[in-house]
Amino acid sequence: MVHESEIIHVDPGTDLDRLLEDVGSSAIVLERRGVRYRLQRESLAIANENDIWANYDPERARAAIRKAAGAWSDLDTDAMKESIYRARDEGSRPPDRPSAISSIATG
């Protein structure tokens, strides 16, 4: 499970805002009651990592859809469905491995 960091917004003109402006790209260490905390600027890629719309370009998306359209048109869909149904019937377990249902019934 991914832990999402809490975002604390800093108001413009505050002491913390001025401190962050002076820091630039280097890290700073904050100390509170003998405990140190490292504060470092995130890269734009990390900041936008959880924002699925950060780099969204609707025209690029439309172009990709147009490019992919018809890519599977040469597939034999009936043969594909037949293959899927056959694989479901045959299963993926080796012949010498008991099924989960039979081990429950006998156990």
PDB file of N, CA and C in Angstrom:
ATOM      1  N   MET A   1       0.846  -1.189   0.000  1.00  0.00           N
ATOM      2  CA  MET A   1       0.000   0.000   0.000  1.00  0.00           C
ATOM      3  C   MET A   1       0.885   1.244   0.000  1.00  0.00           C
ATOM      4  N   VAL A   2       0.580   2.188  -0.846  1.00  0.00           N
ATOM      5  CA  VAL A   2       1.357   3.409  -0.956  1.00  0.00           C
ATOM      6  C   VAL A   2       0.874   4.396   0.100  1.00  0.00           C
ATOM      7  N   HIS A   3       1.838   4.971   0.835  1.00  0.00           N
ATOM      8  CA  HIS A   3       1.499   5.954   1.848  1.00  0.00           C
ATOM      9  C   HIS A   3       1.583   7.336   1.226  1.00  0.00           C
ATOM     10  N   GLU A   4       0.493   8.047   1.247  1.00  0.00           N
ATOM     11  CA  GLU A   4       0.463   9.374   0.650  1.00  0.00           C
ATOM     12  C   GLU A   4       0.828  10.401   1.712  1.00  0.00           C
ATOM     13  N   SER A   5       1.771  11.268   1.397  1.00  0.00           N
ATOM     14  CA  SER A   5       2.214  12.291   2.336  1.00  0.00           C
ATOM     15  C   SER A   5       1.153  13.361   2.507  1.00  0.00           C
ATOM     16  N   GLU A   6       1.106  13.899   3.702  1.00  0.00           N
ATOM     17  CA  GLU A   6       0.184  15.012   3.967  1.00  0.00           C
ATOM     18  C   GLU A   6       0.797  16.288   3.397  1.00  0.00           C
ATOM     19  N   ILE A   7      -0.013  17.080   2.752  1.00  0.00           N
ATOM     20  CA  ILE A   7       0.463  18.336   2.172  1.00  0.00           C
ATOM     21  C   ILE A   7       0.036  19.477   3.079  1.00  0.00           C
ATOM     22  N   ILE A   8       1.004  20.292   3.473  1.00  0.00           N
ATOM     23  CA  ILE A   8       0.735  21.475   4.299  1.00  0.00           C
ATOM     24  C   ILE A   8       1.021  22.685   3.429  1.00  0.00           C
ATOM     25  N   HIS A   9       0.017  23.501   3.201  1.00  0.00           N
ATOM     26  CA  HIS A   9       0.164  24.687   2.356  1.00  0.00           C
ATOM     27  C   HIS A   9       0.772  25.831   3.176  1.00  0.00           C
ATOM     28  N   VAL A  10       1.747  26.494   2.587  1.00  0.00           N
ATOM     29  CA  VAL A  10       2.446  27.598   3.246  1.00  0.00           C
ATOM     30  C   VAL A  10       1.930  28.906   2.665  1.00  0.00           C
ATOM     31  N   ASP A  11       1.452  29.770   3.535  1.00  0.00           N
ATOM     32  CA  ASP A  11       0.927  31.063   3.091  1.00  0.00           C
ATOM     33  C   ASP A  11       2.063  31.984   2.651  1.00  0.00           C
ATOM     34  N   PRO A  12       1.838  32.729   1.574  1.00  0.00           N
ATOM     35  CA  PRO A  12       2.856  33.674   1.109  1.00  0.00           C
ATOM     36  C   PRO A  12       3.133  34.749   2.156  1.00  0.00           C
ATOM     37  N   GLY A  13       4.396  35.160   2.230  1.00  0.00           N
ATOM     38  CA  GLY A  13       4.768  36.247   3.141  1.00  0.00           C
ATOM     39  C   GLY A  13       5.059  35.797   4.562  1.00  0.00           C
ATOM     40  N   THR A  14       4.862  34.538   4.891  1.00  0.00           N
ATOM     41  CA  THR A  14       5.152  34.058   6.242  1.00  0.00           C
ATOM     42  C   THR A  14       6.649  33.788   6.389  1.00  0.00           C
ATOM     43  N   ASP A  15       7.087  33.614   7.653  1.00  0.00           N
ATOM     44  CA  ASP A  15       8.501  33.302   7.892  1.00  0.00           C
ATOM     45  C   ASP A  15       8.902  32.018   7.166  1.00  0.00           C
ATOM     46  N   LEU A  16       8.042  31.012   7.179  1.00  0.00           N
ATOM     47  CA  LEU A  16       8.353  29.748   6.521  1.00  0.00           C
ATOM     48  C   LEU A  16       8.450  29.942   5.006  1.00  0.00           C
ATOM     49  N   ASP A  17       7.592  30.769   4.444  1.00  0.00           N
ATOM     50  CA  ASP A  17       7.646  31.057   3.006  1.00  0.00           C
ATOM     51  C   ASP A  17       8.981  31.697   2.645  1.00  0.00           C
ATOM     52  N   ARG A  18       9.439  32.655   3.442  1.00  0.00           N
ATOM     53  CA  ARG A  18      10.718  33.322   3.191  1.00  0.00           C
ATOM     54  C   ARG A  18      11.882  32.338   3.336  1.00  0.00           C
ATOM     55  N   LEU A  19      11.812  31.461   4.332  1.00  0.00           N
ATOM     56  CA  LEU A  19      12.855  30.463   4.544  1.00  0.00           C
ATOM     57  C   LEU A  19      12.946  29.532   3.338  1.00  0.00           C
ATOM     58  N   LEU A  20      11.814  29.061   2.855  1.00  0.00           N
ATOM     59  CA  LEU A  20      11.805  28.158   1.705  1.00  0.00           C
ATOM     60  C   LEU A  20      12.324  28.843   0.451  1.00  0.00           C
ATOM     61  N   GLU A  21      12.050  30.128   0.317  1.00  0.00           N
ATOM     62  CA  GLU A  21      12.539  30.892  -0.838  1.00  0.00           C
ATOM     63  C   GLU A  21      14.055  30.981  -0.811  1.00  0.00           C
ATOM     64  N   ASP A  22      14.634  31.138   0.374  1.00  0.00           N
ATOM     65  CA  ASP A  22      16.087  31.261   0.518  1.00  0.00           C
ATOM     66  C   ASP A  22      16.806  29.934   0.307  1.00  0.00           C
ATOM     67  N   VAL A  23      16.132  28.828   0.578  1.00  0.00           N
ATOM     68  CA  VAL A  23      16.765  27.511   0.513  1.00  0.00           C
ATOM     69  C   VAL A  23      17.134  27.139  -0.910  1.00  0.00           C
ATOM     70  N   GLY A  24      16.278  27.416  -1.867  1.00  0.00           N
ATOM     71  CA  GLY A  24      16.546  27.042  -3.245  1.00  0.00           C
ATOM     72  C   GLY A  24      16.427  25.541  -3.435  1.00  0.00           C
ATOM     73  N   SER A  25      17.432  24.933  -4.065  1.00  0.00           N
ATOM     74  CA  SER A  25      17.346  23.504  -4.374  1.00  0.00           C
ATOM     75  C   SER A  25      18.026  22.617  -3.334  1.00  0.00           C
ATOM     76  N   SER A  26      18.724  23.189  -2.365  1.00  0.00           N
ATOM     77  CA  SER A  26      19.377  22.362  -1.351  1.00  0.00           C
ATOM     78  C   SER A  26      18.378  21.974  -0.251  1.00  0.00           C
ATOM     79  N   ALA A  27      18.742  20.978   0.530  1.00  0.00           N
ATOM     80  CA  ALA A  27      17.883  20.525   1.627  1.00  0.00           C
ATOM     81  C   ALA A  27      18.169  21.351   2.868  1.00  0.00           C
ATOM     82  N   ILE A  28      17.169  21.465   3.730  1.00  0.00           N
ATOM     83  CA  ILE A  28      17.374  22.113   5.022  1.00  0.00           C
ATOM     84  C   ILE A  28      16.975  21.118   6.108  1.00  0.00           C
ATOM     85  N   VAL A  29      17.499  21.324   7.296  1.00  0.00           N
ATOM     86  CA  VAL A  29      17.170  20.460   8.428  1.00  0.00           C
ATOM     87  C   VAL A  29      16.490  21.326   9.479  1.00  0.00           C
ATOM     88  N   LEU A  30      15.300  20.916   9.844  1.00  0.00           N
ATOM     89  CA  LEU A  30      14.560  21.592  10.907  1.00  0.00           C
ATOM     90  C   LEU A  30      14.765  20.801  12.192  1.00  0.00           C
ATOM     91  N   GLU A  31      14.951  21.500  13.304  1.00  0.00           N
ATOM     92  CA  GLU A  31      15.110  20.799  14.576  1.00  0.00           C
ATOM     93  C   GLU A  31      14.041  21.277  15.550  1.00  0.00           C
ATOM     94  N   ARG A  32      13.381  20.312  16.162  1.00  0.00           N
ATOM     95  CA  ARG A  32      12.318  20.605  17.128  1.00  0.00           C
ATOM     96  C   ARG A  32      12.479  19.654  18.305  1.00  0.00           C
ATOM     97  N   ARG A  33      12.766  20.204  19.475  1.00  0.00           N
ATOM     98  CA  ARG A  33      12.927  19.403  20.697  1.00  0.00           C
ATOM     99  C   ARG A  33      13.945  18.280  20.520  1.00  0.00           C
ATOM    100  N   GLY A  34      15.044  18.587  19.854  1.00  0.00           N
ATOM    101  CA  GLY A  34      16.111  17.616  19.671  1.00  0.00           C
ATOM    102  C   GLY A  34      15.898  16.621  18.537  1.00  0.00           C
ATOM    103  N   VAL A  35      14.757  16.698  17.850  1.00  0.00           N
ATOM    104  CA  VAL A  35      14.484  15.798  16.727  1.00  0.00           C
ATOM    105  C   VAL A  35      14.672  16.582  15.440  1.00  0.00           C
ATOM    106  N   ARG A  36      15.431  15.988  14.507  1.00  0.00           N
ATOM    107  CA  ARG A  36      15.719  16.667  13.247  1.00  0.00           C
ATOM    108  C   ARG A  36      14.839  16.127  12.122  1.00  0.00           C
ATOM    109  N   TYR A  37      14.422  17.030  11.240  1.00  0.00           N
ATOM    110  CA  TYR A  37      13.591  16.700  10.082  1.00  0.00           C
ATOM    111  C   TYR A  37      14.261  17.288   8.845  1.00  0.00           C
ATOM    112  N   ARG A  38      14.442  16.455   7.816  1.00  0.00           N
ATOM    113  CA  ARG A  38      15.046  16.923   6.563  1.00  0.00           C
ATOM    114  C   ARG A  38      13.924  17.387   5.633  1.00  0.00           C
ATOM    115  N   LEU A  39      14.081  18.573   5.109  1.00  0.00           N
ATOM    116  CA  LEU A  39      13.114  19.152   4.184  1.00  0.00           C
ATOM    117  C   LEU A  39      13.825  19.402   2.869  1.00  0.00           C
ATOM    118  N   GLN A  40      13.306  18.793   1.804  1.00  0.00           N
ATOM    119  CA  GLN A  40      13.951  18.901   0.503  1.00  0.00           C
ATOM    120  C   GLN A  40      12.897  19.111  -0.571  1.00  0.00           C
ATOM    121  N   ARG A  41      13.207  19.933  -1.559  1.00  0.00           N
ATOM    122  CA  ARG A  41      12.278  20.217  -2.644  1.00  0.00           C
ATOM    123  C   ARG A  41      12.078  18.970  -3.491  1.00  0.00           C
ATOM    124  N   GLU A  42      10.824  18.667  -3.816  1.00  0.00           N
ATOM    125  CA  GLU A  42      10.517  17.542  -4.695  1.00  0.00           C
ATOM    126  C   GLU A  42      10.724  17.952  -6.136  1.00  0.00           C
ATOM    127  N   SER A  43      11.128  16.979  -6.928  1.00  0.00           N
ATOM    128  CA  SER A  43      11.192  17.254  -8.356  1.00  0.00           C
ATOM    129  C   SER A  43       9.764  17.301  -8.879  1.00  0.00           C
ATOM    130  N   LEU A  44       9.572  17.925 -10.011  1.00  0.00           N
ATOM    131  CA  LEU A  44       8.238  18.052 -10.599  1.00  0.00           C
ATOM    132  C   LEU A  44       7.646  16.674 -10.889  1.00  0.00           C
ATOM    133  N   ALA A  45       8.482  15.713 -11.307  1.00  0.00           N
ATOM    134  CA  ALA A  45       8.001  14.366 -11.616  1.00  0.00           C
ATOM    135  C   ALA A  45       7.416  13.707 -10.375  1.00  0.00           C
ATOM    136  N   ILE A  46       8.080  13.857  -9.224  1.00  0.00           N
ATOM    137  CA  ILE A  46       7.579  13.263  -7.985  1.00  0.00           C
ATOM    138  C   ILE A  46       6.327  13.997  -7.527  1.00  0.00           C
ATOM    139  N   ALA A  47       6.312  15.306  -7.627  1.00  0.00           N
ATOM    140  CA  ALA A  47       5.158  16.082  -7.189  1.00  0.00           C
ATOM    141  C   ALA A  47       3.916  15.706  -7.990  1.00  0.00           C
ATOM    142  N   ASN A  48       4.097  15.390  -9.277  1.00  0.00           N
ATOM    143  CA  ASN A  48       2.962  15.059 -10.136  1.00  0.00           C
ATOM    144  C   ASN A  48       2.670  13.566 -10.202  1.00  0.00           C
ATOM    145  N   GLU A  49       3.443  12.754  -9.482  1.00  0.00           N
ATOM    146  CA  GLU A  49       3.316  11.301  -9.561  1.00  0.00           C
ATOM    147  C   GLU A  49       1.907  10.807  -9.248  1.00  0.00           C
ATOM    148  N   ASN A  50       1.256  11.414  -8.285  1.00  0.00           N
ATOM    149  CA  ASN A  50      -0.075  10.964  -7.884  1.00  0.00           C
ATOM    150  C   ASN A  50      -1.196  11.720  -8.585  1.00  0.00           C
ATOM    151  N   ASP A  51      -0.855  12.670  -9.410  1.00  0.00           N
ATOM    152  CA  ASP A  51      -1.847  13.458 -10.128  1.00  0.00           C
ATOM    153  C   ASP A  51      -1.966  12.903 -11.544  1.00  0.00           C
ATOM    154  N   ILE A  52      -2.989  12.078 -11.793  1.00  0.00           N
ATOM    155  CA  ILE A  52      -3.117  11.432 -13.096  1.00  0.00           C
ATOM    156  C   ILE A  52      -3.369  12.429 -14.221  1.00  0.00           C
ATOM    157  N   TRP A  53      -3.768  13.623 -13.909  1.00  0.00           N
ATOM    158  CA  TRP A  53      -4.048  14.627 -14.939  1.00  0.00           C
ATOM    159  C   TRP A  53      -2.896  15.614 -15.118  1.00  0.00           C
ATOM    160  N   ALA A  54      -1.788  15.436 -14.398  1.00  0.00           N
ATOM    161  CA  ALA A  54      -0.696  16.413 -14.402  1.00  0.00           C
ATOM    162  C   ALA A  54      -0.163  16.702 -15.808  1.00  0.00           C
ATOM    163  N   ASN A  55       0.040  15.686 -16.613  1.00  0.00           N
ATOM    164  CA  ASN A  55       0.603  15.897 -17.956  1.00  0.00           C
ATOM    165  C   ASN A  55      -0.393  15.526 -19.045  1.00  0.00           C
ATOM    166  N   TYR A  56      -1.662  15.601 -18.718  1.00  0.00           N
ATOM    167  CA  TYR A  56      -2.696  15.199 -19.676  1.00  0.00           C
ATOM    168  C   TYR A  56      -2.795  16.201 -20.812  1.00  0.00           C
ATOM    169  N   ASP A  57      -2.749  15.670 -22.017  1.00  0.00           N
ATOM    170  CA  ASP A  57      -2.898  16.482 -23.213  1.00  0.00           C
ATOM    171  C   ASP A  57      -4.001  15.832 -24.046  1.00  0.00           C
ATOM    172  N   PRO A  58      -5.196  16.422 -24.080  1.00  0.00           N
ATOM    173  CA  PRO A  58      -6.312  15.781 -24.767  1.00  0.00           C
ATOM    174  C   PRO A  58      -6.035  15.522 -26.251  1.00  0.00           C
ATOM    175  N   GLU A  59      -5.285  16.382 -26.898  1.00  0.00           N
ATOM    176  CA  GLU A  59      -5.007  16.167 -28.326  1.00  0.00           C
ATOM    177  C   GLU A  59      -4.091  14.967 -28.523  1.00  0.00           C
ATOM    178  N   ARG A  60      -3.103  14.793 -27.637  1.00  0.00           N
ATOM    179  CA  ARG A  60      -2.230  13.615 -27.719  1.00  0.00           C
ATOM    180  C   ARG A  60      -3.026  12.339 -27.462  1.00  0.00           C
ATOM    181  N   ALA A  61      -3.980  12.398 -26.525  1.00  0.00           N
ATOM    182  CA  ALA A  61      -4.819  11.232 -26.232  1.00  0.00           C
ATOM    183  C   ALA A  61      -5.665  10.874 -27.450  1.00  0.00           C
ATOM    184  N   ARG A  62      -6.264  11.860 -28.077  1.00  0.00           N
ATOM    185  CA  ARG A  62      -7.070  11.598 -29.290  1.00  0.00           C
ATOM    186  C   ARG A  62      -6.207  11.004 -30.399  1.00  0.00           C
ATOM    187  N   ALA A  63      -4.996  11.529 -30.559  1.00  0.00           N
ATOM    188  CA  ALA A  63      -4.091  11.029 -31.600  1.00  0.00           C
ATOM    189  C   ALA A  63      -3.714   9.569 -31.333  1.00  0.00           C
ATOM    190  N   ALA A  64      -3.481   9.232 -30.075  1.00  0.00           N
ATOM    191  CA  ALA A  64      -3.140   7.851 -29.721  1.00  0.00           C
ATOM    192  C   ALA A  64      -4.312   6.912 -29.982  1.00  0.00           C
ATOM    193  N   ILE A  65      -5.521   7.366 -29.688  1.00  0.00           N
ATOM    194  CA  ILE A  65      -6.718   6.544 -29.951  1.00  0.00           C
ATOM    195  C   ILE A  65      -6.882   6.333 -31.449  1.00  0.00           C
ATOM    196  N   ARG A  66      -6.696   7.401 -32.232  1.00  0.00           N
ATOM    197  CA  ARG A  66      -6.800   7.273 -33.699  1.00  0.00           C
ATOM    198  C   ARG A  66      -5.746   6.315 -34.237  1.00  0.00           C
ATOM    199  N   LYS A  67      -4.530   6.387 -33.694  1.00  0.00           N
ATOM    200  CA  LYS A  67      -3.443   5.520 -34.144  1.00  0.00           C
ATOM    201  C   LYS A  67      -3.732   4.056 -33.813  1.00  0.00           C
ATOM    202  N   ALA A  68      -4.340   3.797 -32.643  1.00  0.00           N
ATOM    203  CA  ALA A  68      -4.611   2.418 -32.214  1.00  0.00           C
ATOM    204  C   ALA A  68      -5.864   1.843 -32.861  1.00  0.00           C
ATOM    205  N   ALA A  69      -6.719   2.697 -33.371  1.00  0.00           N
ATOM    206  CA  ALA A  69      -7.975   2.224 -33.962  1.00  0.00           C
ATOM    207  C   ALA A  69      -7.698   1.232 -35.080  1.00  0.00           C
ATOM    208  N   GLY A  70      -8.356   0.091 -35.021  1.00  0.00           N
ATOM    209  CA  GLY A  70      -8.227  -0.919 -36.058  1.00  0.00           C
ATOM    210  C   GLY A  70      -7.008  -1.804 -35.921  1.00  0.00           C
ATOM    211  N   ALA A  71      -6.231  -1.651 -34.842  1.00  0.00           N
ATOM    212  CA  ALA A  71      -5.009  -2.433 -34.678  1.00  0.00           C
ATOM    213  C   ALA A  71      -5.282  -3.930 -34.600  1.00  0.00           C
ATOM    214  N   TRP A  72      -6.446  -4.318 -34.125  1.00  0.00           N
ATOM    215  CA  TRP A  72      -6.780  -5.737 -33.988  1.00  0.00           C
ATOM    216  C   TRP A  72      -7.758  -6.184 -35.073  1.00  0.00           C
ATOM    217  N   SER A  73      -7.925  -5.404 -36.094  1.00  0.00           N
ATOM    218  CA  SER A  73      -8.931  -5.733 -37.104  1.00  0.00           C
ATOM    219  C   SER A  73      -8.615  -7.017 -37.858  1.00  0.00           C
ATOM    220  N   ASP A  74      -7.354  -7.434 -37.878  1.00  0.00           N
ATOM    221  CA  ASP A  74      -6.988  -8.647 -38.598  1.00  0.00           C
ATOM    222  C   ASP A  74      -7.108  -9.906 -37.734  1.00  0.00           C
ATOM    223  N   LEU A  75      -7.507  -9.763 -36.468  1.00  0.00           N
ATOM    224  CA  LEU A  75      -7.644 -10.923 -35.597  1.00  0.00           C
ATOM    225  C   LEU A  75      -8.919 -11.699 -35.917  1.00  0.00           C
ATOM    226  N   ASP A  76      -8.827 -13.002 -35.787  1.00  0.00           N
ATOM    227  CA  ASP A  76      -9.991 -13.866 -35.942  1.00  0.00           C
ATOM    228  C   ASP A  76     -10.644 -13.971 -34.564  1.00  0.00           C
ATOM    229  N   THR A  77     -11.666 -13.162 -34.317  1.00  0.00           N
ATOM    230  CA  THR A  77     -12.274 -13.104 -32.988  1.00  0.00           C
ATOM    231  C   THR A  77     -12.926 -14.425 -32.592  1.00  0.00           C
ATOM    232  N   ASP A  78     -13.494 -15.139 -33.540  1.00  0.00           N
ATOM    233  CA  ASP A  78     -14.099 -16.432 -33.206  1.00  0.00           C
ATOM    234  C   ASP A  78     -13.030 -17.418 -32.737  1.00  0.00           C
ATOM    235  N   ALA A  79     -11.892 -17.445 -33.400  1.00  0.00           N
ATOM    236  CA  ALA A  79     -10.797 -18.325 -32.989  1.00  0.00           C
ATOM    237  C   ALA A  79     -10.257 -17.909 -31.624  1.00  0.00           C
ATOM    238  N   MET A  80     -10.187 -16.598 -31.364  1.00  0.00           N
ATOM    239  CA  MET A  80      -9.717 -16.106 -30.074  1.00  0.00           C
ATOM    240  C   MET A  80     -10.658 -16.554 -28.951  1.00  0.00           C
ATOM    241  N   LYS A  81     -11.961 -16.402 -29.169  1.00  0.00           N
ATOM    242  CA  LYS A  81     -12.930 -16.829 -28.150  1.00  0.00           C
ATOM    243  C   LYS A  81     -12.849 -18.334 -27.924  1.00  0.00           C
ATOM    244  N   GLU A  82     -12.710 -19.084 -28.995  1.00  0.00           N
ATOM    245  CA  GLU A  82     -12.601 -20.540 -28.885  1.00  0.00           C
ATOM    246  C   GLU A  82     -11.365 -20.920 -28.055  1.00  0.00           C
ATOM    247  N   SER A  83     -10.268 -20.240 -28.287  1.00  0.00           N
ATOM    248  CA  SER A  83      -9.036 -20.490 -27.549  1.00  0.00           C
ATOM    249  C   SER A  83      -9.205 -20.179 -26.063  1.00  0.00           C
ATOM    250  N   ILE A  84      -9.885 -19.105 -25.767  1.00  0.00           N
ATOM    251  CA  ILE A  84     -10.127 -18.721 -24.365  1.00  0.00           C
ATOM    252  C   ILE A  84     -11.005 -19.761 -23.683  1.00  0.00           C
ATOM    253  N   TYR A  85     -12.094 -20.158 -24.322  1.00  0.00           N
ATOM    254  CA  TYR A  85     -12.987 -21.157 -23.728  1.00  0.00           C
ATOM    255  C   TYR A  85     -12.265 -22.489 -23.531  1.00  0.00           C
ATOM    256  N   ARG A  86     -11.442 -22.892 -24.491  1.00  0.00           N
ATOM    257  CA  ARG A  86     -10.698 -24.143 -24.377  1.00  0.00           C
ATOM    258  C   ARG A  86      -9.727 -24.073 -23.194  1.00  0.00           C
ATOM    259  N   ALA A  87      -9.041 -22.956 -23.039  1.00  0.00           N
ATOM    260  CA  ALA A  87      -8.096 -22.781 -21.926  1.00  0.00           C
ATOM    261  C   ALA A  87      -8.820 -22.822 -20.586  1.00  0.00           C
ATOM    262  N   ARG A  88     -10.011 -22.253 -20.529  1.00  0.00           N
ATOM    263  CA  ARG A  88     -10.799 -22.314 -19.295  1.00  0.00           C
ATOM    264  C   ARG A  88     -11.185 -23.750 -18.966  1.00  0.00           C
ATOM    265  N   ASP A  89     -11.596 -24.500 -19.975  1.00  0.00           N
ATOM    266  CA  ASP A  89     -11.982 -25.896 -19.753  1.00  0.00           C
ATOM    267  C   ASP A  89     -10.791 -26.741 -19.319  1.00  0.00           C
ATOM    268  N   GLU A  90      -9.649 -26.539 -19.977  1.00  0.00           N
ATOM    269  CA  GLU A  90      -8.468 -27.347 -19.667  1.00  0.00           C
ATOM    270  C   GLU A  90      -7.854 -26.948 -18.331  1.00  0.00           C
ATOM    271  N   GLY A  91      -7.976 -25.706 -17.970  1.00  0.00           N
ATOM    272  CA  GLY A  91      -7.397 -25.230 -16.715  1.00  0.00           C
ATOM    273  C   GLY A  91      -5.895 -25.041 -16.814  1.00  0.00           C
ATOM    274  N   SER A  92      -5.321 -24.513 -15.740  1.00  0.00           N
ATOM    275  CA  SER A  92      -3.886 -24.237 -15.752  1.00  0.00           C
ATOM    276  C   SER A  92      -3.130 -25.088 -14.734  1.00  0.00           C
ATOM    277  N   ARG A  93      -3.849 -25.949 -14.007  1.00  0.00           N
ATOM    278  CA  ARG A  93      -3.183 -26.794 -13.015  1.00  0.00           C
ATOM    279  C   ARG A  93      -2.552 -28.006 -13.685  1.00  0.00           C
ATOM    280  N   PRO A  94      -1.402 -28.442 -13.169  1.00  0.00           N
ATOM    281  CA  PRO A  94      -0.823 -29.676 -13.703  1.00  0.00           C
ATOM    282  C   PRO A  94      -1.736 -30.866 -13.377  1.00  0.00           C
ATOM    283  N   PRO A  95      -1.729 -31.906 -14.210  1.00  0.00           N
ATOM    284  CA  PRO A  95      -2.645 -33.037 -14.007  1.00  0.00           C
ATOM    285  C   PRO A  95      -2.469 -33.729 -12.660  1.00  0.00           C
ATOM    286  N   ASP A  96      -1.258 -33.705 -12.080  1.00  0.00           N
ATOM    287  CA  ASP A  96      -1.030 -34.411 -10.823  1.00  0.00           C
ATOM    288  C   ASP A  96      -1.315 -33.556  -9.586  1.00  0.00           C
ATOM    289  N   ARG A  97      -1.750 -32.322  -9.760  1.00  0.00           N
ATOM    290  CA  ARG A  97      -2.065 -31.456  -8.625  1.00  0.00           C
ATOM    291  C   ARG A  97      -3.567 -31.467  -8.391  1.00  0.00           C
ATOM    292  N   PRO A  98      -3.991 -31.811  -7.149  1.00  0.00           N
ATOM    293  CA  PRO A  98      -5.442 -31.842  -6.887  1.00  0.00           C
ATOM    294  C   PRO A  98      -6.019 -30.438  -6.904  1.00  0.00           C
ATOM    295  N   SER A  99      -7.267 -30.350  -7.250  1.00  0.00           N
ATOM    296  CA  SER A  99      -7.919 -29.036  -7.260  1.00  0.00           C
ATOM    297  C   SER A  99      -8.239 -28.630  -5.827  1.00  0.00           C
ATOM    298  N   ALA A 100      -8.442 -27.346  -5.629  1.00  0.00           N
ATOM    299  CA  ALA A 100      -8.763 -26.834  -4.297  1.00  0.00           C
ATOM    300  C   ALA A 100     -10.096 -27.406  -3.818  1.00  0.00           C
ATOM    301  N   ILE A 101     -11.030 -27.598  -4.713  1.00  0.00           N
ATOM    302  CA  ILE A 101     -12.353 -28.112  -4.345  1.00  0.00           C
ATOM    303  C   ILE A 101     -12.253 -29.549  -3.854  1.00  0.00           C
ATOM    304  N   SER A 102     -11.472 -30.393  -4.528  1.00  0.00           N
ATOM    305  CA  SER A 102     -11.382 -31.794  -4.104  1.00  0.00           C
ATOM    306  C   SER A 102     -10.664 -31.909  -2.780  1.00  0.00           C
ATOM    307  N   SER A 103      -9.692 -31.044  -2.489  1.00  0.00           N
ATOM    308  CA  SER A 103      -8.993 -31.146  -1.199  1.00  0.00           C
ATOM    309  C   SER A 103      -9.893 -30.660  -0.056  1.00  0.00           C
ATOM    310  N   ILE A 104     -10.808 -29.746  -0.326  1.00  0.00           N
ATOM    311  CA  ILE A 104     -11.767 -29.310   0.695  1.00  0.00           C
ATOM    312  C   ILE A 104     -12.764 -30.419   0.975  1.00  0.00           C
ATOM    313  N   ALA A 105     -13.219 -31.061  -0.092  1.00  0.00           N
ATOM    314  CA  ALA A 105     -14.222 -32.126   0.055  1.00  0.00           C
ATOM    315  C   ALA A 105     -13.668 -33.319   0.819  1.00  0.00           C
ATOM    316  N   THR A 106     -12.382 -33.643   0.646  1.00  0.00           N
ATOM    317  CA  THR A 106     -11.807 -34.812   1.304  1.00  0.00           C
ATOM    318  C   THR A 106     -11.168 -34.447   2.628  1.00  0.00           C
ATOM    319  N   GLY A 107     -10.944 -33.174   2.858  1.00  0.00           N
ATOM    320  CA  GLY A 107     -10.227 -32.740   4.062  1.00  0.00           C
ATOM    321  C   GLY A 107     -11.138 -32.509   5.165  1.00  0.00           C
TER     322      GLY A 107
END
